[in-house]
Amino acid sequence: MRKTDLIGVVAGKTGLSKRSAQAVIDAFVGSVQAALEEGLVVRVNGFGTFEVADRKERLGVRPGTADPIVIPARHVPVFRPARRLKDAVK
């Protein structure tokens, strides 16, 4: 499902116009992104948790030449699904 498909489903289930549904989805995504940029954790009950994880610096191998390279440390967004979501997908 792409974003445009999601907008159509949300519009159909809520009775909102597609433009209003897009505004809601954009506001949600923007709010989660802003919170993660500030280092906050976003929990949506029954859905999951969005947070930032730290990846340590590590050694890797360049695929073409097999030369060792250093992969720098970085912050990455992580989503952990809630048990209700996991059970629904089973």
N, C-alpha and C. Protein backbone atom coordinates (compact mmCIF):
# COMPACT_ATOMS: atom_id res chain seq x y z
N MET A 1 0.85 -1.17 0.00
CA MET A 1 0.00 0.00 0.00
C MET A 1 0.90 1.23 0.00
N ARG A 2 0.60 2.13 -0.90
CA ARG A 2 1.34 3.38 -0.97
C ARG A 2 0.58 4.46 -0.22
N LYS A 3 1.20 5.63 -0.11
CA LYS A 3 0.58 6.72 0.63
C LYS A 3 -0.75 7.13 0.01
N THR A 4 -0.83 7.18 -1.31
CA THR A 4 -2.09 7.56 -1.95
C THR A 4 -3.19 6.54 -1.66
N ASP A 5 -2.83 5.26 -1.59
CA ASP A 5 -3.80 4.23 -1.23
C ASP A 5 -4.27 4.41 0.21
N LEU A 6 -3.33 4.71 1.10
CA LEU A 6 -3.67 4.94 2.50
C LEU A 6 -4.59 6.14 2.66
N ILE A 7 -4.34 7.18 1.90
CA ILE A 7 -5.20 8.37 1.95
C ILE A 7 -6.62 8.00 1.54
N GLY A 8 -6.76 7.20 0.50
CA GLY A 8 -8.09 6.77 0.05
C GLY A 8 -8.81 5.94 1.10
N VAL A 9 -8.10 5.04 1.76
CA VAL A 9 -8.71 4.20 2.80
C VAL A 9 -9.14 5.05 3.98
N VAL A 10 -8.28 5.96 4.42
CA VAL A 10 -8.62 6.83 5.56
C VAL A 10 -9.81 7.71 5.21
N ALA A 11 -9.82 8.25 4.02
CA ALA A 11 -10.95 9.08 3.59
C ALA A 11 -12.24 8.28 3.58
N GLY A 12 -12.18 7.05 3.10
CA GLY A 12 -13.37 6.22 3.04
C GLY A 12 -13.89 5.82 4.41
N LYS A 13 -12.99 5.53 5.35
CA LYS A 13 -13.40 5.08 6.68
C LYS A 13 -13.86 6.22 7.58
N THR A 14 -13.36 7.43 7.34
CA THR A 14 -13.70 8.55 8.22
C THR A 14 -14.74 9.49 7.63
N GLY A 15 -14.99 9.39 6.34
CA GLY A 15 -15.92 10.32 5.70
C GLY A 15 -15.28 11.65 5.37
N LEU A 16 -13.97 11.75 5.56
CA LEU A 16 -13.26 12.98 5.19
C LEU A 16 -13.00 13.00 3.69
N SER A 17 -12.74 14.18 3.18
CA SER A 17 -12.32 14.26 1.78
C SER A 17 -10.89 13.74 1.69
N LYS A 18 -10.47 13.40 0.48
CA LYS A 18 -9.11 12.92 0.32
C LYS A 18 -8.09 13.98 0.70
N ARG A 19 -8.41 15.22 0.43
CA ARG A 19 -7.50 16.32 0.79
C ARG A 19 -7.36 16.43 2.31
N SER A 20 -8.48 16.29 3.03
CA SER A 20 -8.43 16.36 4.49
C SER A 20 -7.70 15.14 5.06
N ALA A 21 -7.95 13.97 4.49
CA ALA A 21 -7.25 12.76 4.94
C ALA A 21 -5.75 12.88 4.72
N GLN A 22 -5.36 13.47 3.58
CA GLN A 22 -3.94 13.68 3.32
C GLN A 22 -3.34 14.63 4.34
N ALA A 23 -4.07 15.67 4.72
CA ALA A 23 -3.58 16.61 5.72
C ALA A 23 -3.38 15.92 7.07
N VAL A 24 -4.30 15.02 7.43
CA VAL A 24 -4.19 14.29 8.69
C VAL A 24 -2.96 13.39 8.67
N ILE A 25 -2.78 12.64 7.59
CA ILE A 25 -1.64 11.72 7.49
C ILE A 25 -0.33 12.50 7.47
N ASP A 26 -0.29 13.61 6.72
CA ASP A 26 0.92 14.43 6.69
C ASP A 26 1.23 15.01 8.07
N ALA A 27 0.19 15.41 8.81
CA ALA A 27 0.40 15.95 10.15
C ALA A 27 0.95 14.87 11.09
N PHE A 28 0.42 13.66 10.98
CA PHE A 28 0.90 12.56 11.81
C PHE A 28 2.37 12.26 11.52
N VAL A 29 2.69 12.08 10.24
CA VAL A 29 4.07 11.77 9.85
C VAL A 29 5.02 12.90 10.26
N GLY A 30 4.60 14.14 10.04
CA GLY A 30 5.44 15.28 10.41
C GLY A 30 5.65 15.37 11.91
N SER A 31 4.63 15.06 12.68
CA SER A 31 4.74 15.09 14.14
C SER A 31 5.68 14.01 14.65
N VAL A 32 5.57 12.82 14.09
CA VAL A 32 6.48 11.74 14.48
C VAL A 32 7.91 12.10 14.12
N GLN A 33 8.12 12.62 12.93
CA GLN A 33 9.46 13.00 12.49
C GLN A 33 10.04 14.09 13.40
N ALA A 34 9.25 15.10 13.73
CA ALA A 34 9.73 16.18 14.59
C ALA A 34 10.10 15.65 15.98
N ALA A 35 9.28 14.75 16.52
CA ALA A 35 9.56 14.17 17.82
C ALA A 35 10.85 13.36 17.80
N LEU A 36 11.06 12.58 16.75
CA LEU A 36 12.28 11.77 16.65
C LEU A 36 13.51 12.66 16.49
N GLU A 37 13.37 13.77 15.77
CA GLU A 37 14.49 14.71 15.63
C GLU A 37 14.89 15.28 16.97
N GLU A 38 13.93 15.42 17.89
CA GLU A 38 14.21 15.94 19.23
C GLU A 38 14.67 14.85 20.19
N GLY A 39 14.69 13.60 19.71
CA GLY A 39 15.12 12.49 20.56
C GLY A 39 14.02 11.91 21.41
N LEU A 40 12.77 12.26 21.13
CA LEU A 40 11.65 11.75 21.90
C LEU A 40 11.19 10.39 21.37
N VAL A 41 10.45 9.68 22.19
CA VAL A 41 9.87 8.39 21.81
C VAL A 41 8.38 8.62 21.59
N VAL A 42 7.84 8.08 20.49
CA VAL A 42 6.41 8.22 20.17
C VAL A 42 5.75 6.85 20.31
N ARG A 43 4.81 6.75 21.26
CA ARG A 43 4.08 5.49 21.47
C ARG A 43 2.64 5.66 21.03
N VAL A 44 2.18 4.76 20.17
CA VAL A 44 0.79 4.75 19.74
C VAL A 44 0.21 3.42 20.26
N ASN A 45 -0.63 3.50 21.28
CA ASN A 45 -1.17 2.29 21.91
C ASN A 45 -1.84 1.38 20.89
N GLY A 46 -1.49 0.11 20.94
CA GLY A 46 -2.07 -0.86 20.03
C GLY A 46 -1.42 -0.90 18.66
N PHE A 47 -0.54 0.04 18.38
CA PHE A 47 0.12 0.09 17.07
C PHE A 47 1.62 -0.16 17.21
N GLY A 48 2.32 0.68 17.97
CA GLY A 48 3.74 0.48 18.15
C GLY A 48 4.45 1.72 18.66
N THR A 49 5.78 1.62 18.68
CA THR A 49 6.63 2.67 19.21
C THR A 49 7.66 3.08 18.17
N PHE A 50 7.78 4.38 17.97
CA PHE A 50 8.80 4.95 17.11
C PHE A 50 9.87 5.55 18.01
N GLU A 51 11.14 5.25 17.75
CA GLU A 51 12.21 5.83 18.53
C GLU A 51 13.49 5.88 17.70
N VAL A 52 14.52 6.50 18.26
CA VAL A 52 15.81 6.62 17.59
C VAL A 52 16.78 5.68 18.28
N ALA A 53 17.48 4.87 17.49
CA ALA A 53 18.50 3.96 18.02
C ALA A 53 19.87 4.43 17.57
N ASP A 54 20.85 4.15 18.38
CA ASP A 54 22.24 4.49 18.05
C ASP A 54 22.94 3.26 17.49
N ARG A 55 23.55 3.42 16.34
CA ARG A 55 24.35 2.35 15.76
C ARG A 55 25.82 2.70 16.01
N LYS A 56 26.57 1.77 16.54
CA LYS A 56 27.98 2.00 16.84
C LYS A 56 28.81 1.94 15.57
N GLU A 57 29.99 2.53 15.65
CA GLU A 57 30.94 2.44 14.54
C GLU A 57 31.38 0.98 14.42
N ARG A 58 31.53 0.51 13.17
CA ARG A 58 31.92 -0.88 12.98
C ARG A 58 32.74 -1.04 11.71
N LEU A 59 33.37 -2.17 11.61
CA LEU A 59 34.16 -2.48 10.41
C LEU A 59 33.28 -3.20 9.41
N GLY A 60 33.48 -2.87 8.14
CA GLY A 60 32.76 -3.52 7.06
C GLY A 60 33.72 -3.88 5.95
N VAL A 61 33.19 -4.42 4.88
CA VAL A 61 34.01 -4.82 3.74
C VAL A 61 33.42 -4.20 2.48
N ARG A 62 34.28 -3.55 1.69
CA ARG A 62 33.84 -2.98 0.43
C ARG A 62 33.55 -4.15 -0.52
N PRO A 63 32.32 -4.23 -1.07
CA PRO A 63 31.93 -5.40 -1.86
C PRO A 63 32.81 -5.67 -3.09
N GLY A 64 33.19 -4.67 -3.82
CA GLY A 64 33.93 -4.89 -5.06
C GLY A 64 35.37 -5.31 -4.86
N THR A 65 36.01 -4.77 -3.82
CA THR A 65 37.44 -5.01 -3.65
C THR A 65 37.78 -5.82 -2.40
N ALA A 66 36.82 -6.03 -1.52
CA ALA A 66 37.02 -6.74 -0.25
C ALA A 66 37.94 -5.98 0.70
N ASP A 67 38.15 -4.68 0.44
CA ASP A 67 38.95 -3.87 1.35
C ASP A 67 38.14 -3.56 2.60
N PRO A 68 38.77 -3.56 3.76
CA PRO A 68 38.04 -3.21 4.98
C PRO A 68 37.76 -1.70 5.01
N ILE A 69 36.57 -1.35 5.49
CA ILE A 69 36.19 0.06 5.63
C ILE A 69 35.57 0.26 7.00
N VAL A 70 35.59 1.48 7.48
CA VAL A 70 34.97 1.82 8.75
C VAL A 70 33.60 2.43 8.45
N ILE A 71 32.56 1.82 9.00
CA ILE A 71 31.21 2.35 8.86
C ILE A 71 30.97 3.23 10.09
N PRO A 72 30.73 4.53 9.90
CA PRO A 72 30.64 5.44 11.03
C PRO A 72 29.38 5.21 11.89
N ALA A 73 29.45 5.67 13.12
CA ALA A 73 28.30 5.61 14.02
C ALA A 73 27.22 6.54 13.49
N ARG A 74 25.95 6.19 13.78
CA ARG A 74 24.86 7.04 13.32
C ARG A 74 23.60 6.76 14.13
N HIS A 75 22.64 7.63 13.98
CA HIS A 75 21.32 7.47 14.59
C HIS A 75 20.35 7.01 13.51
N VAL A 76 19.51 6.02 13.84
CA VAL A 76 18.54 5.51 12.87
C VAL A 76 17.16 5.43 13.51
N PRO A 77 16.10 5.73 12.75
CA PRO A 77 14.75 5.57 13.29
C PRO A 77 14.39 4.09 13.37
N VAL A 78 13.67 3.72 14.43
CA VAL A 78 13.28 2.33 14.66
C VAL A 78 11.80 2.29 14.99
N PHE A 79 11.10 1.29 14.44
CA PHE A 79 9.70 1.06 14.79
C PHE A 79 9.58 -0.31 15.43
N ARG A 80 8.96 -0.34 16.61
CA ARG A 80 8.71 -1.61 17.29
C ARG A 80 7.20 -1.80 17.38
N PRO A 81 6.67 -2.80 16.70
CA PRO A 81 5.22 -3.00 16.71
C PRO A 81 4.71 -3.45 18.08
N ALA A 82 3.49 -3.03 18.40
CA ALA A 82 2.85 -3.44 19.64
C ALA A 82 2.36 -4.88 19.52
N ARG A 83 2.13 -5.51 20.65
CA ARG A 83 1.68 -6.91 20.65
C ARG A 83 0.37 -7.07 19.88
N ARG A 84 -0.55 -6.10 20.03
CA ARG A 84 -1.83 -6.19 19.31
C ARG A 84 -1.62 -6.20 17.80
N LEU A 85 -0.69 -5.40 17.31
CA LEU A 85 -0.39 -5.39 15.88
C LEU A 85 0.26 -6.71 15.45
N LYS A 86 1.20 -7.21 16.27
CA LYS A 86 1.84 -8.49 15.95
C LYS A 86 0.80 -9.60 15.88
N ASP A 87 -0.11 -9.64 16.85
CA ASP A 87 -1.13 -10.68 16.88
C ASP A 87 -2.08 -10.57 15.68
N ALA A 88 -2.40 -9.35 15.26
CA ALA A 88 -3.29 -9.15 14.13
C ALA A 88 -2.67 -9.64 12.83
N VAL A 89 -1.36 -9.52 12.71
CA VAL A 89 -0.67 -9.91 11.49
C VAL A 89 -0.47 -11.42 11.40
N LYS A 90 -0.42 -12.09 12.54
CA LYS A 90 -0.20 -13.56 12.55
C LYS A 90 -1.18 -14.22 11.69
